[in-house]
Protein backbone atom coordinates (compact mmCIF):
# COMPACT_ATOMS: atom_id res chain seq x y z
CA MET A 1 -12.83 -12.25 26.18
CA LYS A 2 -9.04 -11.99 25.35
CA ILE A 3 -9.70 -12.43 21.75
CA LYS A 4 -12.32 -9.60 21.65
CA ASN A 5 -9.81 -7.35 23.45
CA GLN A 6 -7.23 -8.39 20.84
CA LEU A 7 -9.58 -7.51 17.99
CA ILE A 8 -10.38 -4.14 19.70
CA TRP A 9 -6.74 -3.21 20.14
CA LYS A 10 -6.15 -4.22 16.43
CA GLU A 11 -8.91 -1.78 15.30
CA VAL A 12 -7.48 0.98 17.45
CA GLU A 13 -4.02 0.18 15.99
CA ASP A 14 -5.56 0.46 12.50
CA TYR A 15 -7.00 3.82 13.20
CA VAL A 16 -3.93 5.30 14.68
CA PHE A 17 -1.68 4.31 11.86
CA ILE A 18 -4.24 5.29 9.29
CA THR A 19 -4.19 8.83 10.99
CA LEU A 20 -0.48 8.87 10.96
CA GLY A 21 -0.45 8.07 7.29
CA LEU A 22 -2.90 10.72 6.58
CA MET A 23 -1.03 13.31 8.42
CA LEU A 24 2.13 12.49 6.39
CA TYR A 25 0.22 12.71 3.22
CA ALA A 26 -1.37 16.02 3.97
CA PHE A 27 2.23 17.44 4.99
CA ALA A 28 3.88 16.13 1.88
CA PHE A 29 1.15 17.30 -0.47
CA THR A 30 0.90 20.87 1.01
CA ILE A 31 4.42 21.63 1.62
CA PHE A 32 6.32 19.97 -1.46
CA LEU A 33 3.64 19.60 -4.11
CA MET A 34 1.21 22.52 -3.88
CA PRO A 35 3.70 25.51 -3.84
CA TYR A 36 5.04 24.22 -7.20
CA LYS A 37 1.67 23.67 -8.74
CA ILE A 38 2.45 20.05 -9.40
CA VAL A 39 -0.32 17.81 -10.54
CA THR A 40 -0.88 14.36 -9.07
CA GLY A 41 -3.39 11.67 -9.68
CA GLY A 42 -6.32 10.64 -7.53
CA VAL A 43 -9.18 12.62 -6.08
CA THR A 44 -6.60 14.88 -4.28
CA GLY A 45 -4.90 15.49 -7.62
CA THR A 46 -8.30 16.22 -9.27
CA ALA A 47 -9.17 18.55 -6.39
CA ALA A 48 -5.77 20.26 -6.92
CA ILE A 49 -6.35 20.88 -10.62
CA VAL A 50 -9.72 22.33 -9.73
CA PHE A 51 -8.09 24.65 -7.23
CA TYR A 52 -5.25 25.83 -9.78
CA ALA A 53 -7.94 26.67 -12.31
CA THR A 54 -10.73 28.03 -10.16
CA LYS A 55 -9.21 28.48 -6.63
CA ILE A 56 -12.13 26.29 -5.13
CA PRO A 57 -10.61 24.89 -1.85
CA ILE A 58 -9.07 21.43 -2.34
CA GLN A 59 -10.93 20.02 0.72
CA ASP A 60 -14.46 21.01 -0.85
CA THR A 61 -13.88 19.25 -4.09
CA TYR A 62 -12.21 16.23 -2.44
CA MET A 63 -15.46 15.83 -0.17
CA VAL A 64 -17.95 15.99 -3.03
CA ILE A 65 -16.28 13.52 -5.35
CA ASN A 66 -15.49 10.99 -2.54
CA GLY A 67 -19.21 11.35 -1.53
CA LEU A 68 -20.16 9.91 -4.89
CA LEU A 69 -17.52 7.14 -4.68
CA LEU A 70 -18.55 6.01 -1.18
CA VAL A 71 -21.58 4.24 -2.73
CA VAL A 72 -19.03 2.09 -4.57
CA ALA A 73 -17.21 1.23 -1.35
CA LEU A 74 -20.28 0.19 0.45
CA LYS A 75 -21.47 -2.40 -2.11
CA ILE A 76 -17.82 -3.88 -3.05
CA LEU A 77 -15.69 -3.47 0.01
CA GLY A 78 -18.22 -3.82 2.85
CA LEU A 79 -19.43 -1.83 5.89
CA LYS A 80 -16.09 -2.41 7.81
CA PHE A 81 -14.01 -0.94 4.97
CA LEU A 82 -16.49 1.96 4.49
CA LEU A 83 -16.19 3.06 8.03
CA LYS A 84 -12.52 3.51 7.81
CA THR A 85 -12.93 5.08 4.41
CA ILE A 86 -15.31 7.54 5.72
CA TYR A 87 -13.02 8.30 8.59
CA ALA A 88 -10.09 8.67 6.31
CA ILE A 89 -11.91 11.04 4.01
CA PHE A 90 -13.12 13.58 6.63
CA MET A 91 -9.86 13.20 8.42
CA LEU A 92 -7.70 14.04 5.20
CA ALA A 93 -10.09 16.74 4.32
CA PHE A 94 -9.50 18.32 7.73
CA LEU A 95 -5.72 17.62 7.64
CA LEU A 96 -5.49 19.22 4.11
CA TRP A 97 -7.33 22.26 5.56
CA LEU A 98 -5.26 22.46 8.59
CA ALA A 99 -1.90 21.94 6.68
CA GLY A 100 -3.13 24.75 4.22
CA SER A 101 -4.01 27.21 6.99
CA ILE A 102 -0.58 26.74 8.86
CA ALA A 103 1.71 26.50 5.80
CA PRO A 104 3.92 29.58 5.07
CA THR A 105 2.47 31.94 2.31
CA ASN A 106 3.72 34.77 0.41
CA PRO A 107 1.94 38.20 0.45
CA ASP A 108 -0.04 37.30 -2.58
CA GLY A 109 -1.46 34.30 -0.77
CA SER A 110 0.54 31.59 -2.63
CA TYR A 111 2.51 28.98 -0.73
CA VAL A 112 6.05 29.51 -0.09
CA LYS A 113 8.41 27.22 -2.08
CA ILE A 114 10.38 25.48 0.69
CA LEU A 115 13.12 24.34 -1.55
CA GLY A 116 13.43 27.57 -3.49
CA GLU A 117 12.87 28.50 -6.97
CA GLY A 118 13.71 26.11 -9.67
CA GLN A 119 13.55 23.13 -7.45
CA ASP A 120 10.39 21.73 -9.02
CA PHE A 121 11.72 18.13 -9.80
CA MET A 122 13.42 17.96 -6.36
CA SER A 123 10.34 18.96 -4.52
CA LEU A 124 8.29 16.56 -6.66
CA LEU A 125 10.71 13.59 -5.78
CA ILE A 126 10.57 14.32 -2.01
CA GLY A 127 6.75 14.85 -2.04
CA CYS A 128 5.82 11.77 -4.10
CA THR A 129 8.13 9.44 -2.08
CA LEU A 130 6.23 10.64 1.24
CA THR A 131 2.90 10.39 -0.32
CA GLY A 132 3.52 7.06 -1.79
CA THR A 133 4.72 5.91 1.75
CA SER A 134 1.79 7.42 3.38
CA LEU A 135 -0.74 5.62 1.05
CA ALA A 136 1.09 2.37 1.82
CA ILE A 137 0.64 2.93 5.47
CA VAL A 138 -2.96 3.50 5.14
CA PHE A 139 -3.58 0.44 2.85
CA MET A 140 -1.55 -1.88 5.14
CA ASN A 141 -3.69 -0.89 8.02
CA ASN A 142 -6.90 -1.94 6.05
CA GLY A 143 -7.78 1.78 5.33
CA SER A 144 -8.26 3.97 2.31
CA THR A 145 -7.99 7.64 1.60
CA GLY A 146 -10.98 7.34 -0.60
CA GLY A 147 -11.41 8.41 -4.20
CA THR A 148 -9.36 6.28 -6.74
CA ASP A 149 -8.16 4.18 -3.84
CA ILE A 150 -11.48 2.83 -3.58
CA ILE A 151 -11.39 1.83 -7.22
CA ALA A 152 -7.80 0.31 -6.74
CA ALA A 153 -8.79 -1.49 -3.54
CA SER A 154 -12.03 -3.01 -5.32
CA VAL A 155 -10.03 -4.39 -8.33
CA ASN A 156 -7.29 -5.70 -5.90
CA LYS A 157 -9.88 -7.44 -4.05
CA TYR A 158 -11.00 -9.70 -6.93
CA TYR A 159 -8.00 -9.69 -9.31
CA ASN A 160 -4.33 -10.21 -8.99
CA LEU A 161 -3.32 -6.61 -9.89
CA SER A 162 -1.27 -4.55 -7.55
CA LEU A 163 -2.57 -1.37 -6.20
CA GLY A 164 -0.01 0.76 -7.99
CA GLN A 165 -0.85 -0.89 -11.43
CA VAL A 166 -4.68 0.16 -10.87
CA LEU A 167 -3.85 3.56 -9.73
CA ILE A 168 -1.38 4.15 -12.60
CA GLY A 169 -4.30 3.68 -15.03
CA VAL A 170 -6.61 5.96 -13.38
CA ASP A 171 -4.06 8.74 -12.69
CA PHE A 172 -3.02 8.74 -16.31
CA ILE A 173 -6.43 9.86 -17.27
CA ILE A 174 -6.59 12.59 -14.51
CA ILE A 175 -3.21 13.91 -15.33
CA GLY A 176 -3.77 14.11 -18.99
CA SER A 177 -6.82 16.12 -18.50
CA CYS A 178 -4.50 19.24 -17.97
CA LEU A 179 -3.81 19.27 -21.66
CA PHE A 180 -7.30 20.44 -22.23
CA ILE A 181 -7.60 23.26 -19.52
CA PRO A 182 -6.77 26.69 -21.00
CA GLN A 183 -6.30 28.25 -17.44
CA PHE A 184 -2.89 26.21 -17.22
CA GLY A 185 -1.23 28.62 -19.80
CA ALA A 186 0.02 27.87 -23.37
CA GLY A 187 0.50 24.47 -24.79
CA LEU A 188 4.08 24.12 -23.63
CA ASP A 189 3.06 24.97 -20.11
CA ARG A 190 0.39 22.42 -20.14
CA VAL A 191 2.68 19.75 -21.46
CA HIS A 192 5.16 20.64 -18.78
CA MET A 193 2.44 20.00 -16.12
CA VAL A 194 1.52 16.67 -17.62
CA VAL A 195 5.22 15.44 -17.89
CA PHE A 196 5.58 16.35 -14.20
CA GLY A 197 2.35 14.75 -13.41
CA LEU A 198 3.46 11.51 -14.99
CA CYS A 199 6.61 11.63 -12.94
CA THR A 200 4.58 12.04 -9.78
CA MET A 201 2.48 9.11 -10.86
CA ALA A 202 5.46 6.77 -11.51
CA ILE A 203 7.27 7.74 -8.28
CA GLU A 204 4.30 7.79 -5.89
CA ASN A 205 2.99 4.27 -7.01
CA PHE A 206 6.33 2.79 -7.28
CA THR A 207 7.02 3.72 -3.60
CA LEU A 208 3.40 2.45 -2.71
CA ASP A 209 4.06 -0.96 -4.25
CA TYR A 210 7.73 -1.07 -2.78
CA VAL A 211 6.66 -0.52 0.77
CA MET A 212 3.65 -2.79 0.61
CA ASN A 213 5.58 -5.67 -0.99
CA ALA A 214 8.38 -5.28 1.24
CA ARG A 215 6.07 -5.98 4.15
CA ARG A 216 4.52 -8.95 2.26
CA GLU A 217 7.54 -10.48 0.97
CA SER A 218 7.89 -14.16 1.71
CA VAL A 219 10.94 -16.53 1.93
CA GLN A 220 11.36 -20.27 2.07
CA PHE A 221 13.77 -22.14 4.42
CA MET A 222 15.12 -25.63 3.96
CA ILE A 223 16.68 -26.79 7.09
CA PHE A 224 18.92 -29.96 7.32
CA SER A 225 19.61 -30.99 10.89
CA LYS A 226 19.78 -34.13 13.07
CA LYS A 227 17.66 -32.08 15.73
CA TYR A 228 14.98 -31.47 13.22
CA GLN A 229 12.19 -32.52 15.71
CA GLU A 230 13.44 -29.96 18.32
CA ILE A 231 13.74 -27.22 15.61
CA ALA A 232 10.19 -28.04 14.28
CA ASN A 233 8.79 -27.95 17.87
CA ALA A 234 10.42 -24.65 18.58
CA ILE A 235 9.07 -22.98 15.41
CA GLY A 236 5.70 -24.45 15.85
CA MET A 237 5.38 -23.48 19.42
CA GLU A 238 7.21 -20.26 19.74
CA MET A 239 6.13 -18.63 16.42
CA ASP A 240 2.75 -20.58 15.90
CA HIS A 241 3.90 -21.31 12.54
CA GLY A 242 3.28 -24.41 10.21
CA VAL A 243 6.34 -26.75 9.40
CA THR A 244 6.57 -29.49 6.66
CA ILE A 245 8.84 -32.46 7.26
CA LEU A 246 10.33 -33.85 4.03
CA ASP A 247 12.12 -37.24 3.36
CA GLY A 248 15.68 -36.62 2.22
CA HIS A 249 18.44 -39.04 1.03
CA GLY A 250 22.21 -37.81 1.01
CA TRP A 251 23.93 -38.91 -2.16
CA TYR A 252 27.40 -38.80 -0.77
CA THR A 253 26.64 -40.23 2.75
CA GLY A 254 23.86 -42.62 1.53
CA GLN A 255 21.95 -41.81 4.61
CA ASP A 256 18.21 -40.91 5.09
CA MET A 257 17.41 -37.78 6.90
CA LYS A 258 14.57 -35.42 7.50
CA VAL A 259 14.44 -31.82 6.01
CA LEU A 260 12.23 -29.10 7.32
CA CYS A 261 10.55 -26.88 4.85
CA ILE A 262 9.16 -23.52 6.02
CA LEU A 263 7.34 -20.68 4.25
CA ALA A 264 7.38 -17.48 6.13
CA LYS A 265 7.16 -13.84 5.82
CA LYS A 266 10.70 -12.19 5.35
CA ARG A 267 10.23 -10.24 8.72
CA GLU A 268 10.12 -13.63 10.49
CA SER A 269 13.56 -14.73 9.21
CA THR A 270 15.65 -13.34 12.09
CA THR A 271 13.48 -15.17 14.64
CA ILE A 272 13.63 -18.42 12.63
CA PHE A 273 17.61 -18.27 12.34
CA ARG A 274 17.75 -17.49 16.14
CA LEU A 275 15.69 -20.53 17.10
CA ILE A 276 17.84 -22.64 14.77
CA LYS A 277 21.06 -21.46 16.31
CA MET A 278 19.92 -22.00 19.55
CA ILE A 279 19.08 -25.51 19.14
CA ASP A 280 21.70 -26.58 16.48
CA PRO A 281 24.39 -24.20 15.49
CA ASN A 282 25.81 -26.70 12.98
CA ALA A 283 22.46 -27.01 11.04
CA PHE A 284 22.66 -26.50 7.23
CA VAL A 285 20.03 -23.85 6.28
CA SER A 286 18.97 -22.64 2.88
CA GLN A 287 16.93 -19.46 2.59
CA SER A 288 15.35 -18.26 -0.72
CA ALA A 289 12.97 -15.61 -1.72
CA VAL A 290 9.72 -16.71 -3.28
CA ILE A 291 7.55 -14.84 -5.80
CA GLY A 292 4.29 -15.31 -3.95
CA VAL A 293 2.76 -17.56 -1.33
CA TYR A 294 -1.03 -18.12 -1.20
CA GLY A 295 -3.27 -19.77 1.13
CA GLU A 296 -4.01 -19.75 4.92
CA GLY A 297 -1.85 -17.19 6.65
CA PHE A 298 -0.46 -15.69 3.38
CA ASP A 299 -2.15 -13.93 0.40
CA LYS A 300 -5.42 -14.94 -1.11
CA ILE A 301 -5.71 -16.47 -4.61
CA LYS A 302 -7.21 -13.70 -6.65
CA VAL A 303 -8.25 -15.12 -10.08
CA SER A 304 -11.82 -15.38 -11.49
CA LEU A 305 -13.31 -18.75 -12.42
CA PRO A 306 -15.07 -19.30 -15.63
CA LYS A 307 -18.79 -19.32 -15.17
CA ASP A 308 -19.13 -23.11 -15.89
CA LYS A 309 -16.65 -23.80 -13.27
CA LYS A 310 -18.57 -21.65 -10.77
CA ASN A 311 -21.81 -23.40 -11.54
CA LYS A 312 -20.16 -26.84 -11.02
CA LYS A 313 -18.73 -25.65 -7.70
CA ILE A 314 -22.18 -24.43 -6.47
CA ALA A 315 -23.85 -27.75 -7.65
CA ALA A 316 -21.26 -29.73 -5.77
CA LYS A 317 -22.17 -27.93 -2.63
């Protein structure tokens, strides 16, 4: 019963943070990007391009494209992921409509440029930093804003490619399409839009990867202490964390000793240091960053096996 309640609360927490992330995205997109007609990637960016060219409401185009892509999400990402994706698509469409309806506008119906005239790049910088952060919040809570995020999440599920890398490839195609739309003005005007679009792509996806990797960053501890058993027990019991005990031999002292090796998330570092200091303030501790940790409790190994290897593995079972 306790485990079931924990799972329910985890789902509730996911939906709360997904909603907060979508609210941040709708705010940043409507206030900082739309007034300056800045092109972005993804389905939202595609919908914005359609809006700039035809005045069709963003939320309408967004819903149509995502409806087609949901079929992909159902087959590859599963029903659980799809439910959150459907929720995010409808919620973001509503929030984009809401943000557009309450955003300040000029007499001609265009959005007010909050930062003033000539502040296109500054608005781009602020807006894309916020949208990149909002996407990271959504992804970290097992959600998706739909569209190209579905493609990125699908690729990331099977291959060791970051979400930002996949989105950059798709967004490059979307933003480049501005060069072929006459409604965006003369050739130089279209080039200007594409250049700004490429800036949005770089900033948004860099922020996305930075925020996500900061949370997933891992560290390795090497702990040298005569009270190694007490420290290992404390870390194992208090943090429910695995500890490996290695045999060490001091060159200078010539004495044998035990060394604790711990792989942990960076956010757990303070707790580990606190436990060590409480038990043995004189312990010698080495902490180092690691590029990646794969296995139980950490990231999954995302590489594809050759077909002959897969067949052998199936035959062995």
